[in-house]
Structures are given as C-alpha cells and as structure tokens.
C-alpha atoms as a PDB file:
ATOM      1  CA  MET A   1      47.923 126.966  69.274  1.00  0.00           C
ATOM      2  CA  ASN A   2      49.862 124.990  71.867  1.00  0.00           C
ATOM      3  CA  TYR A   3      53.037 126.276  73.480  1.00  0.00           C
ATOM      4  CA  ALA A   4      55.190 125.260  76.421  1.00  0.00           C
ATOM      5  CA  LEU A   5      56.477 128.413  78.130  1.00  0.00           C
ATOM      6  CA  GLU A   6      59.097 128.592  80.861  1.00  0.00           C
ATOM      7  CA  ILE A   7      58.269 130.275  84.162  1.00  0.00           C
ATOM      8  CA  GLN A   8      61.030 132.755  84.947  1.00  0.00           C
ATOM      9  CA  GLU A   9      62.023 134.558  88.137  1.00  0.00           C
ATOM     10  CA  ASP A  10      63.180 138.171  88.376  1.00  0.00           C
ATOM     11  CA  SER A  11      65.716 139.646  90.815  1.00  0.00           C
ATOM     12  CA  ASN A  12      62.934 140.359  93.351  1.00  0.00           C
ATOM     13  CA  GLY A  13      61.806 136.721  93.419  1.00  0.00           C
ATOM     14  CA  ASP A  14      58.645 137.444  91.399  1.00  0.00           C
ATOM     15  CA  TYR A  15      57.665 134.918  88.744  1.00  0.00           C
ATOM     16  CA  PHE A  16      56.638 135.758  85.198  1.00  0.00           C
ATOM     17  CA  ILE A  17      56.031 134.228  81.766  1.00  0.00           C
ATOM     18  CA  GLU A  18      57.288 135.871  78.593  1.00  0.00           C
ATOM     19  CA  PHE A  19      54.890 135.269  75.703  1.00  0.00           C
ATOM     20  CA  PRO A  20      56.171 134.946  72.119  1.00  0.00           C
ATOM     21  CA  THR A  21      55.383 137.971  69.944  1.00  0.00           C
ATOM     22  CA  GLU A  22      53.245 135.868  67.583  1.00  0.00           C
ATOM     23  CA  ILE A  23      50.901 134.904  70.453  1.00  0.00           C
ATOM     24  CA  VAL A  24      50.601 138.486  71.699  1.00  0.00           C
ATOM     25  CA  GLU A  25      49.849 139.792  68.200  1.00  0.00           C
ATOM     26  CA  ALA A  26      47.401 136.974  67.315  1.00  0.00           C
ATOM     27  CA  LEU A  27      45.376 137.604  70.489  1.00  0.00           C
ATOM     28  CA  GLY A  28      45.524 141.395  70.255  1.00  0.00           C
ATOM     29  CA  TRP A  29      47.248 141.720  73.624  1.00  0.00           C
ATOM     30  CA  ALA A  30      49.391 144.706  74.597  1.00  0.00           C
ATOM     31  CA  GLU A  31      51.646 145.631  77.481  1.00  0.00           C
ATOM     32  CA  GLY A  32      49.477 146.620  80.428  1.00  0.00           C
ATOM     33  CA  ASP A  33      46.593 144.269  79.584  1.00  0.00           C
ATOM     34  CA  ILE A  34      45.165 142.434  82.570  1.00  0.00           C
ATOM     35  CA  LEU A  35      44.955 138.659  82.118  1.00  0.00           C
ATOM     36  CA  GLU A  36      43.024 136.133  84.193  1.00  0.00           C
ATOM     37  CA  TRP A  37      44.201 132.550  84.286  1.00  0.00           C
ATOM     38  CA  LYS A  38      42.305 129.402  85.253  1.00  0.00           C
ATOM     39  CA  LEU A  39      43.635 125.874  85.550  1.00  0.00           C
ATOM     40  CA  LYS A  40      41.949 123.295  83.316  1.00  0.00           C
ATOM     41  CA  GLY A  41      43.282 119.766  83.499  1.00  0.00           C
ATOM     42  CA  GLN A  42      46.976 119.906  82.646  1.00  0.00           C
ATOM     43  CA  GLY A  43      46.646 123.344  81.016  1.00  0.00           C
ATOM     44  CA  VAL A  44      45.817 126.974  81.671  1.00  0.00           C
ATOM     45  CA  ILE A  45      43.105 129.137  80.101  1.00  0.00           C
ATOM     46  CA  LEU A  46      44.033 132.811  79.752  1.00  0.00           C
ATOM     47  CA  SER A  47      41.423 135.538  79.318  1.00  0.00           C
ATOM     48  CA  LYS A  48      41.992 139.240  78.803  1.00  0.00           C
ATOM     49  CA  LEU A  49      39.964 140.960  81.530  1.00  0.00           C
ATOM     50  CA  ASN A  50      40.050 144.482  80.129  1.00  0.00           C
ATOM     51  CA  ASP A  51      38.560 143.386  76.772  1.00  0.00           C
ATOM     52  CA  PRO A  52      34.851 144.229  76.502  1.00  0.00           C
ATOM     53  CA  THR A  53      34.299 141.626  73.758  1.00  0.00           C
ATOM     54  CA  GLY A  54      35.731 138.776  75.851  1.00  0.00           C
ATOM     55  CA  TYR A  55      37.492 135.669  74.595  1.00  0.00           C
ATOM     56  CA  GLU A  56      36.128 132.171  74.131  1.00  0.00           C
ATOM     57  CA  PRO A  57      38.824 129.449  74.271  1.00  0.00           C
ATOM     58  CA  ILE A  58      38.763 126.824  71.530  1.00  0.00           C
ATOM     59  CA  GLU A  59      38.527 123.275  72.845  1.00  0.00           C
ATOM     60  CA  GLU A  60      40.753 120.698  71.136  1.00  0.00           C
END
C-alpha cells in the first residue's frame, strides 16, 4: 500500500495528516490510537504504539 498524503494545518498552526478510511480500517486503527513514526529513506514507517501485538512493516 503506497499513498501520498497531504500535510494540513489547523487554525492553531498545528500540523496533521488525515488518513483515508481504507487505510485506517485495514490497519485496525481507531481514533485515539497512539502512532510512532520513523523516517526511512524517502518514506515514513508508522507503528501503533498502544497495540500489544505490534506491527511489522512489509519491505517492497
């Protein structure tokens, strides 16, 4: 799954990314989940921190 998502800015000057519903559902994410992000090359790896089973990214 590869997506290009736009970084948006709210009225307070805080930045955020809005994920498509299909991504959220496929990964089992929900509002309030805590995500960690790490830079890898030209991309970003996201991991759900409050998931006891963890998540292993698939290398392409």
